[in-house]
């Protein structure tokens, strides 16, 4: 995938604020500090299209980025950061569930996990939400440069077993350090979507 253009379009907390041009969307979601911003920046060959926050859990907005004037990357707010209040957690759930509910433009959700850690209850809930709303899913395990190949193999099995993945659900791997896995992620997106060319 050749990225010729990528730009921030808008932030939203309610459906009334989403883009209305009917371009199709790929959403990215994961725990705070899981490497979501780094993954998106790498995929579009930008260092800071998506700002990497120094404070995990700070972003509480849905951010829309137009790619090649053709489709959107949608950055959903990170979840699971311990220092946010119960009210903020509920707010996150409302913001994300409103987006997931009946968003026709949304075609694929990329669920991002840290390969070093067993999926949390929040990760399991997110996976179930994606399945409940019947979206296509790509699971990406990040930070693979931080573990050995043998450890990674075992950790991917833990991820698969913990989430109780369906047979067709694949786990792709990615390193922001050396961009390993980037091409496979794009190839997988390309195979799942008609609008990428």
N, C-alpha and C. Protein backbone atom coordinates (compact mmCIF):
# COMPACT_ATOMS: atom_id res chain seq x y z
N UNK A 1 0.85 -1.20 0.00
CA UNK A 1 0.00 0.00 0.00
C UNK A 1 0.88 1.24 0.00
N UNK A 2 0.76 2.05 -1.01
CA UNK A 2 1.52 3.30 -1.08
C UNK A 2 0.71 4.43 -0.46
N UNK A 3 1.25 5.01 0.60
CA UNK A 3 0.56 6.10 1.28
C UNK A 3 1.03 7.42 0.69
N UNK A 4 0.11 8.09 -0.01
CA UNK A 4 0.45 9.37 -0.64
C UNK A 4 -0.01 10.56 0.21
N UNK A 5 -0.97 10.32 1.09
CA UNK A 5 -1.54 11.42 1.87
C UNK A 5 -2.19 10.85 3.12
N UNK A 6 -1.97 11.55 4.23
CA UNK A 6 -2.67 11.20 5.46
C UNK A 6 -2.83 12.48 6.28
N UNK A 7 -4.02 12.73 6.77
CA UNK A 7 -4.25 13.97 7.50
C UNK A 7 -5.33 13.79 8.55
N UNK A 8 -5.15 14.48 9.66
CA UNK A 8 -6.17 14.51 10.71
C UNK A 8 -7.36 15.32 10.21
N UNK A 9 -8.56 14.77 10.45
CA UNK A 9 -9.78 15.45 9.99
C UNK A 9 -10.58 16.01 11.15
N UNK A 10 -10.89 15.18 12.14
CA UNK A 10 -11.72 15.66 13.24
C UNK A 10 -11.65 14.73 14.43
N UNK A 11 -12.02 15.25 15.60
CA UNK A 11 -12.22 14.44 16.80
C UNK A 11 -13.70 14.45 17.13
N UNK A 12 -14.16 13.37 17.75
CA UNK A 12 -15.58 13.26 18.03
C UNK A 12 -15.82 12.54 19.35
N UNK A 13 -16.92 12.88 20.00
CA UNK A 13 -17.39 12.12 21.14
C UNK A 13 -18.81 11.61 20.92
N UNK A 14 -19.49 12.14 19.89
CA UNK A 14 -20.85 11.70 19.59
C UNK A 14 -21.00 11.49 18.08
N UNK A 15 -21.98 10.69 17.72
CA UNK A 15 -22.20 10.34 16.32
C UNK A 15 -22.45 11.57 15.45
N UNK A 16 -23.04 12.61 16.03
CA UNK A 16 -23.32 13.83 15.26
C UNK A 16 -22.04 14.51 14.78
N UNK A 17 -20.90 14.14 15.39
CA UNK A 17 -19.62 14.77 15.04
C UNK A 17 -18.78 13.92 14.08
N UNK A 18 -19.25 12.72 13.73
CA UNK A 18 -18.49 11.87 12.82
C UNK A 18 -18.50 12.45 11.40
N UNK A 19 -17.47 12.13 10.59
CA UNK A 19 -17.52 12.54 9.18
C UNK A 19 -18.76 11.99 8.50
N UNK A 20 -19.28 12.76 7.57
CA UNK A 20 -20.52 12.37 6.89
C UNK A 20 -20.34 12.14 5.39
N UNK A 21 -19.10 11.92 4.99
CA UNK A 21 -18.85 11.76 3.55
C UNK A 21 -18.95 10.31 3.09
N UNK A 22 -19.28 9.39 4.02
CA UNK A 22 -19.51 7.98 3.72
C UNK A 22 -18.29 7.22 3.23
N UNK A 23 -17.09 7.78 3.42
CA UNK A 23 -15.89 6.98 3.16
C UNK A 23 -15.80 5.87 4.21
N UNK A 24 -15.26 4.74 3.79
CA UNK A 24 -15.23 3.60 4.69
C UNK A 24 -14.09 3.73 5.70
N UNK A 25 -14.19 2.96 6.79
CA UNK A 25 -13.33 3.20 7.95
C UNK A 25 -12.69 1.91 8.47
N UNK A 26 -11.46 2.06 8.94
CA UNK A 26 -10.73 1.03 9.66
C UNK A 26 -10.44 1.60 11.05
N UNK A 27 -10.92 0.94 12.09
CA UNK A 27 -10.75 1.45 13.45
C UNK A 27 -9.65 0.68 14.18
N UNK A 28 -8.96 1.39 15.07
CA UNK A 28 -7.88 0.81 15.88
C UNK A 28 -8.24 0.99 17.35
N UNK A 29 -8.13 -0.10 18.12
CA UNK A 29 -8.48 -0.02 19.54
C UNK A 29 -7.57 -0.92 20.35
N UNK A 30 -7.32 -0.51 21.60
CA UNK A 30 -6.48 -1.32 22.48
C UNK A 30 -6.30 -0.62 23.81
N UNK A 31 -5.68 -1.30 24.75
CA UNK A 31 -5.40 -0.71 26.04
C UNK A 31 -4.48 0.50 25.90
N UNK A 32 -4.56 1.39 26.86
CA UNK A 32 -3.63 2.51 26.91
C UNK A 32 -2.20 1.98 26.98
N UNK A 33 -1.30 2.64 26.26
CA UNK A 33 0.13 2.29 26.29
C UNK A 33 0.45 0.96 25.62
N UNK A 34 -0.42 0.54 24.69
CA UNK A 34 -0.20 -0.73 24.01
C UNK A 34 0.55 -0.55 22.69
N UNK A 35 0.75 0.70 22.27
CA UNK A 35 1.47 0.97 21.03
C UNK A 35 0.56 1.27 19.85
N UNK A 36 -0.67 1.68 20.14
CA UNK A 36 -1.64 1.96 19.07
C UNK A 36 -1.20 3.12 18.20
N UNK A 37 -0.79 4.22 18.82
CA UNK A 37 -0.37 5.38 18.05
C UNK A 37 0.85 5.07 17.19
N UNK A 38 1.79 4.34 17.75
CA UNK A 38 3.00 3.98 17.00
C UNK A 38 2.67 3.10 15.80
N UNK A 39 1.71 2.19 15.97
CA UNK A 39 1.30 1.33 14.86
C UNK A 39 0.68 2.15 13.74
N UNK A 40 -0.25 3.03 14.08
CA UNK A 40 -0.90 3.84 13.05
C UNK A 40 0.12 4.72 12.34
N UNK A 41 0.98 5.37 13.09
CA UNK A 41 2.01 6.23 12.48
C UNK A 41 2.89 5.44 11.53
N UNK A 42 3.26 4.23 11.92
CA UNK A 42 4.11 3.40 11.06
C UNK A 42 3.38 3.01 9.78
N UNK A 43 2.12 2.65 9.89
CA UNK A 43 1.36 2.22 8.70
C UNK A 43 1.25 3.33 7.67
N UNK A 44 1.23 4.59 8.12
CA UNK A 44 1.08 5.70 7.18
C UNK A 44 2.40 6.44 6.94
N UNK A 45 3.49 5.86 7.45
CA UNK A 45 4.84 6.43 7.24
C UNK A 45 4.97 7.85 7.77
N UNK A 46 4.38 8.08 8.94
CA UNK A 46 4.48 9.38 9.59
C UNK A 46 4.99 9.20 11.01
N UNK A 47 5.74 10.17 11.50
CA UNK A 47 6.26 10.06 12.87
C UNK A 47 5.25 10.54 13.90
N UNK A 48 4.42 11.47 13.53
CA UNK A 48 3.54 12.06 14.53
C UNK A 48 2.16 12.45 13.99
N UNK A 49 1.64 11.65 13.05
CA UNK A 49 0.25 11.90 12.63
C UNK A 49 -0.67 11.72 13.84
N UNK A 50 -0.45 10.61 14.55
CA UNK A 50 -1.16 10.38 15.80
C UNK A 50 -0.20 10.73 16.93
N UNK A 51 -0.60 11.64 17.79
CA UNK A 51 0.27 12.05 18.88
C UNK A 51 0.36 10.95 19.94
N UNK A 52 1.59 10.66 20.35
CA UNK A 52 1.81 9.68 21.40
C UNK A 52 1.78 10.41 22.73
N UNK A 53 0.77 10.12 23.52
CA UNK A 53 0.60 10.84 24.78
C UNK A 53 1.58 10.33 25.83
N UNK A 54 2.13 11.25 26.60
CA UNK A 54 3.01 10.87 27.70
C UNK A 54 2.21 10.43 28.92
N UNK A 55 0.91 10.66 28.87
CA UNK A 55 0.04 10.26 29.96
C UNK A 55 -0.94 9.21 29.46
N UNK A 56 -0.71 7.93 29.78
CA UNK A 56 -1.64 6.88 29.33
C UNK A 56 -3.05 7.16 29.81
N UNK A 57 -4.02 6.85 28.94
CA UNK A 57 -5.41 7.03 29.31
C UNK A 57 -5.93 8.44 29.13
N UNK A 58 -5.10 9.33 28.62
CA UNK A 58 -5.50 10.73 28.52
C UNK A 58 -6.50 10.98 27.40
N UNK A 59 -6.33 10.31 26.27
CA UNK A 59 -7.18 10.56 25.11
C UNK A 59 -8.56 9.97 25.33
N UNK A 60 -9.56 10.79 25.22
CA UNK A 60 -10.94 10.35 25.38
C UNK A 60 -11.78 10.75 24.18
N UNK A 61 -11.15 10.82 23.03
CA UNK A 61 -11.84 11.22 21.81
C UNK A 61 -11.65 10.16 20.74
N UNK A 62 -12.58 10.11 19.81
CA UNK A 62 -12.40 9.30 18.61
C UNK A 62 -11.81 10.21 17.54
N UNK A 63 -10.65 9.85 17.02
CA UNK A 63 -9.95 10.69 16.05
C UNK A 63 -10.00 10.06 14.66
N UNK A 64 -10.36 10.86 13.68
CA UNK A 64 -10.50 10.40 12.29
C UNK A 64 -9.36 10.96 11.44
N UNK A 65 -8.69 10.06 10.71
CA UNK A 65 -7.59 10.44 9.83
C UNK A 65 -7.91 9.96 8.42
N UNK A 66 -7.87 10.87 7.47
CA UNK A 66 -8.16 10.53 6.08
C UNK A 66 -6.89 10.05 5.40
N UNK A 67 -6.96 8.87 4.81
CA UNK A 67 -5.80 8.23 4.18
C UNK A 67 -6.00 8.21 2.66
N UNK A 68 -5.03 8.80 1.94
CA UNK A 68 -5.07 8.84 0.47
C UNK A 68 -6.38 9.41 -0.07
N UNK A 69 -7.02 10.26 0.72
CA UNK A 69 -8.33 10.83 0.35
C UNK A 69 -9.33 9.76 -0.05
N UNK A 70 -9.16 8.58 0.55
CA UNK A 70 -9.90 7.40 0.09
C UNK A 70 -10.69 6.73 1.21
N UNK A 71 -10.09 6.63 2.38
CA UNK A 71 -10.74 5.96 3.51
C UNK A 71 -10.16 6.53 4.80
N UNK A 72 -10.81 6.19 5.92
CA UNK A 72 -10.38 6.71 7.22
C UNK A 72 -9.71 5.64 8.07
N UNK A 73 -8.66 6.04 8.78
CA UNK A 73 -8.21 5.34 9.97
C UNK A 73 -8.91 6.03 11.14
N UNK A 74 -9.47 5.25 12.03
CA UNK A 74 -10.18 5.80 13.18
C UNK A 74 -9.49 5.32 14.45
N UNK A 75 -8.98 6.26 15.21
CA UNK A 75 -8.24 5.96 16.44
C UNK A 75 -9.21 6.07 17.61
N UNK A 76 -9.58 4.91 18.17
CA UNK A 76 -10.49 4.90 19.31
C UNK A 76 -9.71 5.11 20.60
N UNK A 77 -10.31 5.73 21.61
CA UNK A 77 -9.59 5.99 22.85
C UNK A 77 -9.14 4.71 23.54
N UNK A 78 -7.93 4.75 24.10
CA UNK A 78 -7.40 3.59 24.81
C UNK A 78 -8.17 3.34 26.10
N UNK A 79 -8.18 2.08 26.49
CA UNK A 79 -8.94 1.71 27.70
C UNK A 79 -8.02 1.03 28.72
N UNK A 80 -8.55 0.85 29.91
CA UNK A 80 -7.88 0.01 30.91
C UNK A 80 -6.81 0.69 31.74
N UNK A 81 -6.73 2.03 31.69
CA UNK A 81 -5.70 2.69 32.49
C UNK A 81 -6.21 2.87 33.92
N UNK A 82 -5.44 2.39 34.87
CA UNK A 82 -5.91 2.26 36.26
C UNK A 82 -6.23 3.59 36.93
N UNK A 83 -5.60 4.66 36.51
CA UNK A 83 -5.73 5.93 37.23
C UNK A 83 -6.91 6.78 36.80
N UNK A 84 -7.73 6.27 35.90
CA UNK A 84 -8.91 7.06 35.53
C UNK A 84 -10.07 6.68 36.44
N UNK A 85 -11.01 7.60 36.58
CA UNK A 85 -12.13 7.39 37.49
C UNK A 85 -13.17 6.46 36.88
N UNK A 86 -14.05 5.97 37.74
CA UNK A 86 -15.13 5.11 37.27
C UNK A 86 -16.00 5.85 36.26
N UNK A 87 -16.23 7.13 36.50
CA UNK A 87 -17.03 7.93 35.57
C UNK A 87 -16.37 8.02 34.20
N UNK A 88 -15.03 8.17 34.19
CA UNK A 88 -14.31 8.23 32.91
C UNK A 88 -14.37 6.89 32.18
N UNK A 89 -14.29 5.80 32.94
CA UNK A 89 -14.40 4.47 32.33
C UNK A 89 -15.76 4.30 31.68
N UNK A 90 -16.81 4.73 32.38
CA UNK A 90 -18.16 4.65 31.81
C UNK A 90 -18.29 5.53 30.57
N UNK A 91 -17.66 6.71 30.63
CA UNK A 91 -17.69 7.62 29.48
C UNK A 91 -17.02 6.97 28.28
N UNK A 92 -15.86 6.33 28.51
CA UNK A 92 -15.16 5.64 27.43
C UNK A 92 -16.07 4.59 26.80
N UNK A 93 -16.72 3.80 27.64
CA UNK A 93 -17.60 2.76 27.12
C UNK A 93 -18.72 3.32 26.28
N UNK A 94 -19.31 4.42 26.73
CA UNK A 94 -20.40 5.04 25.98
C UNK A 94 -19.93 5.58 24.64
N UNK A 95 -18.76 6.23 24.64
CA UNK A 95 -18.22 6.81 23.41
C UNK A 95 -17.93 5.72 22.38
N UNK A 96 -17.27 4.65 22.82
CA UNK A 96 -16.87 3.59 21.90
C UNK A 96 -18.07 2.77 21.44
N UNK A 97 -18.97 2.45 22.36
CA UNK A 97 -20.11 1.63 21.96
C UNK A 97 -21.03 2.38 21.01
N UNK A 98 -21.16 3.69 21.20
CA UNK A 98 -21.97 4.47 20.26
C UNK A 98 -21.36 4.40 18.85
N UNK A 99 -20.02 4.46 18.80
CA UNK A 99 -19.37 4.38 17.49
C UNK A 99 -19.57 3.00 16.87
N UNK A 100 -19.41 1.94 17.67
CA UNK A 100 -19.51 0.58 17.14
C UNK A 100 -20.94 0.24 16.72
N UNK A 101 -21.89 0.86 17.38
CA UNK A 101 -23.29 0.53 17.13
C UNK A 101 -23.75 1.07 15.78
N UNK A 102 -23.93 0.16 14.83
CA UNK A 102 -24.55 0.51 13.55
C UNK A 102 -23.79 1.57 12.76
N UNK A 103 -22.45 1.52 12.80
CA UNK A 103 -21.65 2.44 11.98
C UNK A 103 -21.37 1.75 10.65
N UNK A 104 -22.16 2.05 9.64
CA UNK A 104 -22.08 1.33 8.37
C UNK A 104 -20.74 1.51 7.69
N UNK A 105 -20.10 2.66 7.89
CA UNK A 105 -18.82 2.91 7.23
C UNK A 105 -17.68 2.08 7.81
N UNK A 106 -17.86 1.57 9.01
CA UNK A 106 -16.80 0.81 9.68
C UNK A 106 -16.74 -0.61 9.12
N UNK A 107 -15.59 -0.98 8.57
CA UNK A 107 -15.47 -2.28 7.90
C UNK A 107 -14.56 -3.26 8.64
N UNK A 108 -13.52 -2.75 9.29
CA UNK A 108 -12.57 -3.63 10.00
C UNK A 108 -12.15 -2.94 11.29
N UNK A 109 -12.00 -3.73 12.35
CA UNK A 109 -11.43 -3.22 13.59
C UNK A 109 -10.12 -3.95 13.87
N UNK A 110 -9.08 -3.17 14.14
CA UNK A 110 -7.78 -3.71 14.50
C UNK A 110 -7.67 -3.66 16.02
N UNK A 111 -7.68 -4.83 16.65
CA UNK A 111 -7.56 -4.92 18.10
C UNK A 111 -6.08 -5.13 18.43
N UNK A 112 -5.52 -4.21 19.21
CA UNK A 112 -4.08 -4.20 19.46
C UNK A 112 -3.80 -4.66 20.88
N UNK A 113 -2.88 -5.62 21.00
CA UNK A 113 -2.49 -6.19 22.28
C UNK A 113 -0.98 -6.14 22.42
N UNK A 114 -0.50 -6.01 23.64
CA UNK A 114 0.94 -6.08 23.93
C UNK A 114 1.30 -7.56 24.04
N UNK A 115 2.21 -8.02 23.20
CA UNK A 115 2.53 -9.44 23.15
C UNK A 115 3.11 -9.97 24.46
N UNK A 116 3.56 -9.09 25.32
CA UNK A 116 4.20 -9.52 26.57
C UNK A 116 3.21 -9.86 27.67
N UNK A 117 1.94 -9.50 27.46
CA UNK A 117 0.97 -9.62 28.55
C UNK A 117 -0.26 -10.42 28.14
N UNK A 118 -0.77 -11.17 29.08
CA UNK A 118 -2.03 -11.89 28.88
C UNK A 118 -3.15 -10.88 28.71
N UNK A 119 -4.08 -11.11 27.78
CA UNK A 119 -5.20 -10.17 27.61
C UNK A 119 -5.97 -9.98 28.92
N UNK A 120 -6.38 -8.74 29.16
CA UNK A 120 -7.12 -8.39 30.37
C UNK A 120 -8.62 -8.61 30.15
N UNK A 121 -9.38 -8.42 31.20
CA UNK A 121 -10.83 -8.49 31.09
C UNK A 121 -11.36 -7.46 30.10
N UNK A 122 -10.71 -6.27 30.07
CA UNK A 122 -11.11 -5.23 29.10
C UNK A 122 -10.86 -5.69 27.66
N UNK A 123 -9.74 -6.37 27.43
CA UNK A 123 -9.45 -6.89 26.09
C UNK A 123 -10.50 -7.92 25.67
N UNK A 124 -10.86 -8.78 26.61
CA UNK A 124 -11.87 -9.80 26.32
C UNK A 124 -13.20 -9.15 25.99
N UNK A 125 -13.58 -8.14 26.77
CA UNK A 125 -14.83 -7.42 26.51
C UNK A 125 -14.80 -6.76 25.14
N UNK A 126 -13.65 -6.15 24.79
CA UNK A 126 -13.54 -5.49 23.50
C UNK A 126 -13.69 -6.49 22.37
N UNK A 127 -13.04 -7.64 22.49
CA UNK A 127 -13.16 -8.69 21.47
C UNK A 127 -14.62 -9.12 21.32
N UNK A 128 -15.29 -9.30 22.44
CA UNK A 128 -16.70 -9.72 22.40
C UNK A 128 -17.58 -8.66 21.76
N UNK A 129 -17.28 -7.38 22.05
CA UNK A 129 -18.03 -6.29 21.41
C UNK A 129 -17.88 -6.36 19.89
N UNK A 130 -16.65 -6.51 19.44
CA UNK A 130 -16.39 -6.55 18.00
C UNK A 130 -17.17 -7.68 17.35
N UNK A 131 -17.16 -8.84 18.00
CA UNK A 131 -17.88 -9.99 17.47
C UNK A 131 -19.40 -9.76 17.53
N UNK A 132 -19.86 -9.14 18.62
CA UNK A 132 -21.28 -8.88 18.78
C UNK A 132 -21.81 -8.00 17.65
N UNK A 133 -21.02 -6.99 17.27
CA UNK A 133 -21.45 -6.09 16.21
C UNK A 133 -21.05 -6.60 14.82
N UNK A 134 -20.45 -7.79 14.80
CA UNK A 134 -20.19 -8.51 13.53
C UNK A 134 -19.27 -7.76 12.58
N UNK A 135 -18.22 -7.15 13.14
CA UNK A 135 -17.21 -6.52 12.30
C UNK A 135 -16.08 -7.50 12.02
N UNK A 136 -15.43 -7.30 10.88
CA UNK A 136 -14.20 -8.03 10.62
C UNK A 136 -13.13 -7.56 11.60
N UNK A 137 -12.26 -8.48 12.00
CA UNK A 137 -11.27 -8.15 13.02
C UNK A 137 -9.87 -8.60 12.61
N UNK A 138 -8.90 -7.76 12.90
CA UNK A 138 -7.49 -8.13 12.82
C UNK A 138 -6.91 -7.91 14.22
N UNK A 139 -6.26 -8.92 14.74
CA UNK A 139 -5.61 -8.79 16.05
C UNK A 139 -4.12 -8.62 15.81
N UNK A 140 -3.56 -7.56 16.38
CA UNK A 140 -2.13 -7.28 16.21
C UNK A 140 -1.46 -7.30 17.58
N UNK A 141 -0.46 -8.16 17.72
CA UNK A 141 0.34 -8.22 18.95
C UNK A 141 1.59 -7.36 18.73
N UNK A 142 1.72 -6.31 19.52
CA UNK A 142 2.81 -5.33 19.35
C UNK A 142 3.99 -5.64 20.27
N UNK A 143 5.07 -4.88 20.06
CA UNK A 143 6.27 -4.91 20.91
C UNK A 143 6.98 -6.26 20.86
N UNK A 144 6.96 -6.90 19.68
CA UNK A 144 7.56 -8.23 19.57
C UNK A 144 9.08 -8.20 19.64
N UNK A 145 9.68 -7.01 19.48
CA UNK A 145 11.14 -6.91 19.61
C UNK A 145 11.58 -7.05 21.06
N UNK A 146 10.64 -7.03 21.99
CA UNK A 146 10.99 -7.07 23.41
C UNK A 146 10.97 -8.48 24.00
N UNK A 147 10.64 -9.50 23.18
CA UNK A 147 10.63 -10.88 23.67
C UNK A 147 11.35 -11.78 22.66
N UNK A 148 11.81 -12.93 23.12
CA UNK A 148 12.44 -13.90 22.24
C UNK A 148 11.38 -14.57 21.37
N UNK A 149 11.81 -15.23 20.30
CA UNK A 149 10.86 -15.89 19.39
C UNK A 149 10.11 -17.00 20.12
N UNK A 150 10.81 -17.76 20.96
CA UNK A 150 10.15 -18.83 21.70
C UNK A 150 9.11 -18.28 22.66
N UNK A 151 9.46 -17.21 23.36
CA UNK A 151 8.53 -16.58 24.28
C UNK A 151 7.33 -16.02 23.53
N UNK A 152 7.58 -15.40 22.38
CA UNK A 152 6.50 -14.84 21.58
C UNK A 152 5.52 -15.93 21.17
N UNK A 153 6.03 -17.09 20.74
CA UNK A 153 5.17 -18.19 20.31
C UNK A 153 4.23 -18.60 21.44
N UNK A 154 4.79 -18.74 22.64
CA UNK A 154 3.98 -19.12 23.78
C UNK A 154 2.97 -18.05 24.15
N UNK A 155 3.39 -16.79 24.07
CA UNK A 155 2.49 -15.69 24.42
C UNK A 155 1.33 -15.57 23.45
N UNK A 156 1.59 -15.82 22.16
CA UNK A 156 0.51 -15.77 21.18
C UNK A 156 -0.53 -16.85 21.45
N UNK A 157 -0.07 -18.02 21.91
CA UNK A 157 -1.02 -19.08 22.28
C UNK A 157 -1.86 -18.65 23.48
N UNK A 158 -1.23 -17.98 24.45
CA UNK A 158 -1.98 -17.48 25.62
C UNK A 158 -3.04 -16.47 25.18
N UNK A 159 -2.66 -15.58 24.26
CA UNK A 159 -3.62 -14.60 23.74
C UNK A 159 -4.80 -15.30 23.07
N UNK A 160 -4.48 -16.28 22.21
CA UNK A 160 -5.53 -17.01 21.50
C UNK A 160 -6.47 -17.72 22.47
N UNK A 161 -5.88 -18.39 23.47
CA UNK A 161 -6.69 -19.16 24.42
C UNK A 161 -7.50 -18.24 25.33
N UNK A 162 -6.90 -17.13 25.77
CA UNK A 162 -7.59 -16.23 26.69
C UNK A 162 -8.78 -15.55 26.03
N UNK A 163 -8.59 -15.11 24.79
CA UNK A 163 -9.69 -14.47 24.07
C UNK A 163 -10.69 -15.47 23.50
N UNK A 164 -10.29 -16.75 23.50
CA UNK A 164 -11.11 -17.80 22.90
C UNK A 164 -11.43 -17.45 21.45
N UNK A 165 -10.35 -17.20 20.72
CA UNK A 165 -10.50 -16.75 19.34
C UNK A 165 -11.20 -17.80 18.48
N UNK A 166 -11.97 -17.31 17.55
CA UNK A 166 -12.56 -18.19 16.55
C UNK A 166 -11.48 -18.67 15.60
N UNK A 167 -11.74 -19.76 14.95
CA UNK A 167 -10.72 -20.43 14.13
C UNK A 167 -10.15 -19.52 13.05
N UNK A 168 -10.97 -18.66 12.48
CA UNK A 168 -10.53 -17.82 11.37
C UNK A 168 -9.82 -16.54 11.82
N UNK A 169 -9.82 -16.26 13.12
CA UNK A 169 -9.18 -15.05 13.62
C UNK A 169 -7.67 -15.22 13.68
N UNK A 170 -6.96 -14.36 12.99
CA UNK A 170 -5.49 -14.42 12.96
C UNK A 170 -4.90 -13.41 13.93
N UNK A 171 -3.72 -13.75 14.44
CA UNK A 171 -2.96 -12.79 15.23
C UNK A 171 -1.73 -12.40 14.42
N UNK A 172 -1.66 -11.14 14.04
CA UNK A 172 -0.48 -10.62 13.36
C UNK A 172 0.46 -10.01 14.40
N UNK A 173 1.72 -9.87 14.05
CA UNK A 173 2.69 -9.33 15.00
C UNK A 173 3.35 -8.09 14.42
N UNK A 174 3.82 -7.20 15.33
CA UNK A 174 4.36 -5.92 14.88
C UNK A 174 5.38 -5.38 15.87
N UNK A 175 6.42 -4.77 15.31
CA UNK A 175 7.41 -4.06 16.11
C UNK A 175 7.53 -2.64 15.58
N UNK A 176 7.28 -1.66 16.44
CA UNK A 176 7.46 -0.26 16.04
C UNK A 176 8.93 0.07 15.87
N UNK A 177 9.79 -0.70 16.52
CA UNK A 177 11.22 -0.43 16.47
C UNK A 177 11.78 -0.66 15.08
N UNK A 178 11.48 -1.79 14.48
CA UNK A 178 12.04 -2.11 13.17
C UNK A 178 10.99 -2.29 12.07
N UNK A 179 9.72 -1.98 12.40
CA UNK A 179 8.59 -2.05 11.46
C UNK A 179 8.29 -3.47 11.00
N UNK A 180 8.81 -4.46 11.69
CA UNK A 180 8.52 -5.85 11.34
C UNK A 180 7.02 -6.11 11.47
N UNK A 181 6.43 -6.68 10.45
CA UNK A 181 5.01 -6.99 10.45
C UNK A 181 4.14 -5.97 9.73
N UNK A 182 4.71 -4.81 9.42
CA UNK A 182 3.92 -3.75 8.79
C UNK A 182 3.33 -4.19 7.44
N UNK A 183 4.15 -4.80 6.62
CA UNK A 183 3.69 -5.20 5.28
C UNK A 183 2.58 -6.25 5.37
N UNK A 184 2.72 -7.18 6.31
CA UNK A 184 1.70 -8.22 6.46
C UNK A 184 0.37 -7.62 6.93
N UNK A 185 0.44 -6.61 7.79
CA UNK A 185 -0.80 -5.95 8.24
C UNK A 185 -1.50 -5.30 7.05
N UNK A 186 -0.73 -4.56 6.22
CA UNK A 186 -1.33 -3.94 5.04
C UNK A 186 -1.88 -4.99 4.08
N UNK A 187 -1.15 -6.07 3.87
CA UNK A 187 -1.62 -7.13 2.97
C UNK A 187 -2.91 -7.75 3.47
N UNK A 188 -3.00 -7.91 4.79
CA UNK A 188 -4.22 -8.48 5.37
C UNK A 188 -5.39 -7.52 5.21
N UNK A 189 -5.16 -6.24 5.47
CA UNK A 189 -6.21 -5.25 5.25
C UNK A 189 -6.66 -5.25 3.79
N UNK A 190 -5.70 -5.31 2.90
CA UNK A 190 -5.99 -5.30 1.47
C UNK A 190 -6.86 -6.50 1.07
N UNK A 191 -6.59 -7.65 1.68
CA UNK A 191 -7.35 -8.87 1.35
C UNK A 191 -8.76 -8.84 1.92
N UNK A 192 -8.97 -8.02 2.94
CA UNK A 192 -10.28 -7.98 3.60
C UNK A 192 -11.18 -6.88 3.06
N UNK A 193 -10.60 -5.92 2.35
CA UNK A 193 -11.34 -4.73 1.95
C UNK A 193 -11.26 -4.49 0.46
N UNK A 194 -12.36 -4.03 -0.10
CA UNK A 194 -12.40 -3.75 -1.54
C UNK A 194 -11.93 -2.35 -1.88
N UNK A 195 -11.93 -1.45 -0.89
CA UNK A 195 -11.72 -0.05 -1.22
C UNK A 195 -10.26 0.37 -1.13
N UNK A 196 -9.37 -0.51 -0.70
CA UNK A 196 -7.95 -0.18 -0.66
C UNK A 196 -7.31 -0.60 -1.98
N UNK A 197 -6.56 0.31 -2.57
CA UNK A 197 -5.87 -0.02 -3.84
C UNK A 197 -4.62 0.81 -3.96
